Amino acid sequence: MKPSDIFNDLQSKVSEALRNSPAKDIEKNVRSMMTQGFSKLDLVTREEFDVQSQVLARTRARLEELEARVIELERKQAAAAAGISPAVSPAATTGNPTGLAG
């Protein structure tokens, strides 16, 4: 007899013994009690957690895009208020490459 045959035979005998024993009923009862207990704890499934993590990541990326857009719009507004064309940098209008006065 090959070792794999011995292992398969042993596995089938153990499975049969468990099916015919009260251990299967105990397992069902424990599983049922745990399910009821977990439902009272407001837990989420791993799948739900992963979905919400993806939603959060997309939301965070969108927020960063919007923050960058607000900064750009504020820069354009400040440039327009100062009478500078938004397409031209302050350094180009002063002839100073650093953009600093002096």
N, C-alpha and C. Protein backbone atom coordinates (compact mmCIF):
# COMPACT_ATOMS: atom_id res chain seq x y z
N MET A 1 0.84 -1.18 0.00
CA MET A 1 0.00 0.00 0.00
C MET A 1 0.88 1.24 0.00
N LYS A 2 0.54 2.24 -0.84
CA LYS A 2 1.31 3.47 -0.92
C LYS A 2 0.96 4.38 0.26
N PRO A 3 1.88 5.27 0.63
CA PRO A 3 1.60 6.20 1.74
C PRO A 3 0.38 7.08 1.48
N SER A 4 0.17 7.49 0.23
CA SER A 4 -0.99 8.33 -0.07
C SER A 4 -2.29 7.55 0.13
N ASP A 5 -2.26 6.23 -0.18
CA ASP A 5 -3.45 5.41 0.04
C ASP A 5 -3.74 5.28 1.53
N ILE A 6 -2.70 5.12 2.32
CA ILE A 6 -2.87 5.01 3.77
C ILE A 6 -3.45 6.31 4.31
N PHE A 7 -2.92 7.43 3.84
CA PHE A 7 -3.42 8.73 4.30
C PHE A 7 -4.88 8.93 3.91
N ASN A 8 -5.23 8.60 2.67
CA ASN A 8 -6.61 8.74 2.23
C ASN A 8 -7.55 7.84 3.00
N ASP A 9 -7.12 6.61 3.28
CA ASP A 9 -7.93 5.67 4.06
C ASP A 9 -8.14 6.20 5.47
N LEU A 10 -7.08 6.69 6.08
CA LEU A 10 -7.17 7.25 7.44
C LEU A 10 -8.09 8.46 7.45
N GLN A 11 -7.97 9.31 6.45
CA GLN A 11 -8.81 10.51 6.38
C GLN A 11 -10.28 10.12 6.24
N SER A 12 -10.58 9.16 5.42
CA SER A 12 -11.98 8.75 5.24
C SER A 12 -12.54 8.13 6.52
N LYS A 13 -11.71 7.37 7.25
CA LYS A 13 -12.17 6.77 8.51
C LYS A 13 -12.43 7.84 9.56
N VAL A 14 -11.56 8.84 9.63
CA VAL A 14 -11.75 9.92 10.61
C VAL A 14 -13.01 10.71 10.25
N SER A 15 -13.20 11.00 8.96
CA SER A 15 -14.39 11.74 8.53
C SER A 15 -15.66 10.97 8.85
N GLU A 16 -15.63 9.66 8.62
CA GLU A 16 -16.79 8.83 8.92
C GLU A 16 -17.06 8.80 10.42
N ALA A 17 -16.00 8.71 11.21
CA ALA A 17 -16.17 8.69 12.67
C ALA A 17 -16.77 10.01 13.16
N LEU A 18 -16.34 11.11 12.59
CA LEU A 18 -16.88 12.41 13.00
C LEU A 18 -18.34 12.57 12.57
N ARG A 19 -18.68 12.04 11.39
CA ARG A 19 -20.07 12.13 10.95
C ARG A 19 -20.99 11.35 11.87
N ASN A 20 -20.50 10.25 12.42
CA ASN A 20 -21.32 9.40 13.26
C ASN A 20 -21.21 9.75 14.74
N SER A 21 -20.46 10.78 15.08
CA SER A 21 -20.28 11.13 16.49
C SER A 21 -21.05 12.40 16.83
N PRO A 22 -21.19 12.63 18.10
CA PRO A 22 -21.87 13.87 18.51
C PRO A 22 -21.00 15.12 18.27
N ALA A 23 -19.75 14.95 17.87
CA ALA A 23 -18.87 16.09 17.63
C ALA A 23 -19.44 16.99 16.53
N LYS A 24 -20.08 16.41 15.52
CA LYS A 24 -20.66 17.20 14.44
C LYS A 24 -21.77 18.10 14.97
N ASP A 25 -22.60 17.57 15.86
CA ASP A 25 -23.67 18.37 16.47
C ASP A 25 -23.08 19.49 17.33
N ILE A 26 -22.04 19.16 18.07
CA ILE A 26 -21.39 20.17 18.91
C ILE A 26 -20.83 21.29 18.04
N GLU A 27 -20.21 20.92 16.93
CA GLU A 27 -19.66 21.92 16.01
C GLU A 27 -20.76 22.83 15.48
N LYS A 28 -21.88 22.24 15.09
CA LYS A 28 -23.00 23.04 14.57
C LYS A 28 -23.52 23.99 15.64
N ASN A 29 -23.65 23.49 16.87
CA ASN A 29 -24.17 24.32 17.97
C ASN A 29 -23.20 25.46 18.30
N VAL A 30 -21.92 25.16 18.35
CA VAL A 30 -20.92 26.19 18.65
C VAL A 30 -20.92 27.23 17.53
N ARG A 31 -20.95 26.78 16.31
CA ARG A 31 -20.97 27.70 15.17
C ARG A 31 -22.20 28.61 15.24
N SER A 32 -23.34 28.04 15.56
CA SER A 32 -24.58 28.81 15.65
C SER A 32 -24.49 29.85 16.78
N MET A 33 -23.97 29.44 17.93
CA MET A 33 -23.83 30.37 19.05
C MET A 33 -22.86 31.50 18.71
N MET A 34 -21.77 31.17 18.05
CA MET A 34 -20.79 32.19 17.68
C MET A 34 -21.39 33.17 16.66
N THR A 35 -22.15 32.65 15.73
CA THR A 35 -22.79 33.51 14.72
C THR A 35 -23.75 34.49 15.39
N GLN A 36 -24.54 34.00 16.34
CA GLN A 36 -25.46 34.86 17.07
C GLN A 36 -24.69 35.92 17.87
N GLY A 37 -23.63 35.51 18.53
CA GLY A 37 -22.82 36.45 19.31
C GLY A 37 -22.18 37.51 18.44
N PHE A 38 -21.65 37.10 17.29
CA PHE A 38 -21.01 38.06 16.39
C PHE A 38 -22.01 39.05 15.80
N SER A 39 -23.24 38.58 15.56
CA SER A 39 -24.24 39.48 14.99
C SER A 39 -24.60 40.59 15.98
N LYS A 40 -24.46 40.35 17.26
CA LYS A 40 -24.76 41.36 18.27
C LYS A 40 -23.63 42.38 18.40
N LEU A 41 -22.45 42.07 17.87
CA LEU A 41 -21.29 42.95 18.03
C LEU A 41 -21.14 43.98 16.92
N ASP A 42 -22.04 44.02 15.96
CA ASP A 42 -21.95 44.94 14.83
C ASP A 42 -20.63 44.80 14.08
N LEU A 43 -20.24 43.58 13.79
CA LEU A 43 -19.04 43.32 13.02
C LEU A 43 -19.36 43.36 11.54
N VAL A 44 -18.35 43.62 10.72
CA VAL A 44 -18.52 43.59 9.27
C VAL A 44 -17.71 42.44 8.70
N THR A 45 -18.13 41.99 7.55
CA THR A 45 -17.39 40.91 6.89
C THR A 45 -16.12 41.47 6.26
N ARG A 46 -15.21 40.60 5.95
CA ARG A 46 -13.97 41.02 5.30
C ARG A 46 -14.27 41.66 3.94
N GLU A 47 -15.25 41.08 3.24
CA GLU A 47 -15.63 41.61 1.94
C GLU A 47 -16.14 43.05 2.07
N GLU A 48 -17.01 43.30 3.05
CA GLU A 48 -17.51 44.65 3.29
C GLU A 48 -16.38 45.61 3.62
N PHE A 49 -15.46 45.15 4.46
CA PHE A 49 -14.31 45.97 4.86
C PHE A 49 -13.46 46.33 3.64
N ASP A 50 -13.20 45.35 2.78
CA ASP A 50 -12.39 45.59 1.58
C ASP A 50 -13.07 46.58 0.65
N VAL A 51 -14.39 46.45 0.48
CA VAL A 51 -15.13 47.37 -0.38
C VAL A 51 -15.03 48.79 0.18
N GLN A 52 -15.23 48.94 1.48
CA GLN A 52 -15.17 50.26 2.08
C GLN A 52 -13.75 50.85 2.02
N SER A 53 -12.74 50.00 2.12
CA SER A 53 -11.35 50.46 1.98
C SER A 53 -11.11 51.01 0.58
N GLN A 54 -11.66 50.34 -0.43
CA GLN A 54 -11.52 50.81 -1.81
C GLN A 54 -12.25 52.13 -2.01
N VAL A 55 -13.44 52.25 -1.43
CA VAL A 55 -14.19 53.50 -1.53
C VAL A 55 -13.40 54.63 -0.87
N LEU A 56 -12.83 54.36 0.28
CA LEU A 56 -12.03 55.37 0.98
C LEU A 56 -10.82 55.78 0.16
N ALA A 57 -10.15 54.83 -0.46
CA ALA A 57 -8.97 55.15 -1.27
C ALA A 57 -9.36 56.03 -2.46
N ARG A 58 -10.47 55.70 -3.12
CA ARG A 58 -10.93 56.53 -4.25
C ARG A 58 -11.33 57.93 -3.76
N THR A 59 -11.99 58.00 -2.62
CA THR A 59 -12.40 59.29 -2.07
C THR A 59 -11.18 60.12 -1.71
N ARG A 60 -10.19 59.50 -1.12
CA ARG A 60 -8.96 60.21 -0.76
C ARG A 60 -8.27 60.76 -2.00
N ALA A 61 -8.19 59.95 -3.06
CA ALA A 61 -7.57 60.39 -4.30
C ALA A 61 -8.34 61.57 -4.91
N ARG A 62 -9.66 61.48 -4.89
CA ARG A 62 -10.49 62.57 -5.43
C ARG A 62 -10.30 63.84 -4.60
N LEU A 63 -10.22 63.71 -3.29
CA LEU A 63 -10.01 64.85 -2.42
C LEU A 63 -8.68 65.53 -2.74
N GLU A 64 -7.64 64.74 -2.95
CA GLU A 64 -6.34 65.31 -3.30
C GLU A 64 -6.40 66.05 -4.63
N GLU A 65 -7.14 65.50 -5.61
CA GLU A 65 -7.31 66.18 -6.89
C GLU A 65 -8.03 67.52 -6.70
N LEU A 66 -9.09 67.50 -5.90
CA LEU A 66 -9.85 68.73 -5.68
C LEU A 66 -9.03 69.76 -4.92
N GLU A 67 -8.22 69.32 -3.95
CA GLU A 67 -7.37 70.26 -3.23
C GLU A 67 -6.38 70.92 -4.18
N ALA A 68 -5.80 70.14 -5.08
CA ALA A 68 -4.85 70.70 -6.04
C ALA A 68 -5.58 71.69 -6.97
N ARG A 69 -6.79 71.37 -7.34
CA ARG A 69 -7.56 72.26 -8.22
C ARG A 69 -7.89 73.57 -7.50
N VAL A 70 -8.26 73.49 -6.22
CA VAL A 70 -8.55 74.70 -5.44
C VAL A 70 -7.31 75.57 -5.33
N ILE A 71 -6.17 74.96 -5.07
CA ILE A 71 -4.92 75.71 -4.98
C ILE A 71 -4.63 76.42 -6.30
N GLU A 72 -4.82 75.71 -7.41
CA GLU A 72 -4.58 76.30 -8.73
C GLU A 72 -5.55 77.45 -8.99
N LEU A 73 -6.83 77.28 -8.66
CA LEU A 73 -7.82 78.35 -8.86
C LEU A 73 -7.50 79.56 -7.97
N GLU A 74 -7.08 79.32 -6.74
CA GLU A 74 -6.70 80.42 -5.85
C GLU A 74 -5.48 81.17 -6.40
N ARG A 75 -4.55 80.41 -6.96
CA ARG A 75 -3.36 81.04 -7.55
C ARG A 75 -3.76 81.92 -8.73
N LYS A 76 -4.66 81.41 -9.58
CA LYS A 76 -5.12 82.18 -10.73
C LYS A 76 -5.88 83.42 -10.29
N GLN A 77 -6.71 83.26 -9.25
CA GLN A 77 -7.49 84.39 -8.75
C GLN A 77 -6.56 85.46 -8.18
N ALA A 78 -5.56 85.05 -7.43
CA ALA A 78 -4.61 86.00 -6.86
C ALA A 78 -3.84 86.71 -7.96
N ALA A 79 -3.47 85.97 -9.01
CA ALA A 79 -2.75 86.57 -10.12
C ALA A 79 -3.63 87.56 -10.86
N ALA A 80 -4.90 87.22 -11.04
CA ALA A 80 -5.83 88.11 -11.72
C ALA A 80 -6.06 89.37 -10.90
N ALA A 81 -6.14 89.23 -9.60
CA ALA A 81 -6.35 90.38 -8.72
C ALA A 81 -5.13 91.29 -8.74
N ALA A 82 -3.96 90.73 -8.95
CA ALA A 82 -2.73 91.52 -8.99
C ALA A 82 -2.48 92.07 -10.39
N GLY A 83 -3.34 91.72 -11.35
CA GLY A 83 -3.19 92.21 -12.71
C GLY A 83 -2.16 91.46 -13.51
N ILE A 84 -1.85 90.25 -13.11
CA ILE A 84 -0.87 89.43 -13.81
C ILE A 84 -1.61 88.33 -14.53
N SER A 85 -1.22 88.09 -15.76
CA SER A 85 -1.84 87.01 -16.51
C SER A 85 -1.51 85.68 -15.85
N PRO A 86 -2.49 84.80 -15.63
CA PRO A 86 -2.21 83.52 -14.96
C PRO A 86 -1.27 82.63 -15.76
N ALA A 87 -1.15 82.85 -17.06
CA ALA A 87 -0.28 82.01 -17.87
C ALA A 87 1.18 82.43 -17.72
N VAL A 88 1.41 83.63 -17.20
CA VAL A 88 2.76 84.15 -17.06
C VAL A 88 3.13 84.14 -15.59
N SER A 89 4.27 83.58 -15.27
CA SER A 89 4.68 83.51 -13.87
C SER A 89 5.15 84.87 -13.40
N PRO A 90 5.10 85.16 -12.10
CA PRO A 90 5.57 86.44 -11.56
C PRO A 90 7.03 86.69 -11.89
N ALA A 91 7.85 85.67 -11.96
CA ALA A 91 9.27 85.84 -12.26
C ALA A 91 9.45 86.36 -13.67
N ALA A 92 8.61 85.95 -14.61
CA ALA A 92 8.74 86.38 -16.00
C ALA A 92 8.37 87.84 -16.15
N THR A 93 7.44 88.36 -15.35
CA THR A 93 7.02 89.74 -15.48
C THR A 93 8.03 90.71 -14.87
N THR A 94 8.81 90.28 -13.91
CA THR A 94 9.78 91.17 -13.26
C THR A 94 11.14 91.06 -13.88
N GLY A 95 11.37 90.04 -14.68
CA GLY A 95 12.68 89.82 -15.23
C GLY A 95 13.63 89.20 -14.22
N ASN A 96 13.11 88.86 -13.06
CA ASN A 96 13.91 88.26 -11.99
C ASN A 96 13.61 86.77 -11.99
N PRO A 97 14.58 85.90 -12.30
CA PRO A 97 14.31 84.46 -12.39
C PRO A 97 13.88 83.84 -11.08
N THR A 98 14.20 84.44 -9.97
CA THR A 98 13.80 83.87 -8.68
C THR A 98 12.40 84.31 -8.29
N GLY A 99 11.93 85.42 -8.89
CA GLY A 99 10.62 85.92 -8.54
C GLY A 99 10.65 86.75 -7.27
N LEU A 100 11.85 86.96 -6.70
CA LEU A 100 11.97 87.75 -5.49
C LEU A 100 12.30 89.19 -5.81
N ALA A 101 11.79 90.09 -5.02
CA ALA A 101 12.10 91.50 -5.23
C ALA A 101 13.53 91.78 -4.79
N GLY A 102 14.16 92.71 -5.48
CA GLY A 102 15.46 93.10 -4.97
C GLY A 102 16.52 93.02 -5.89
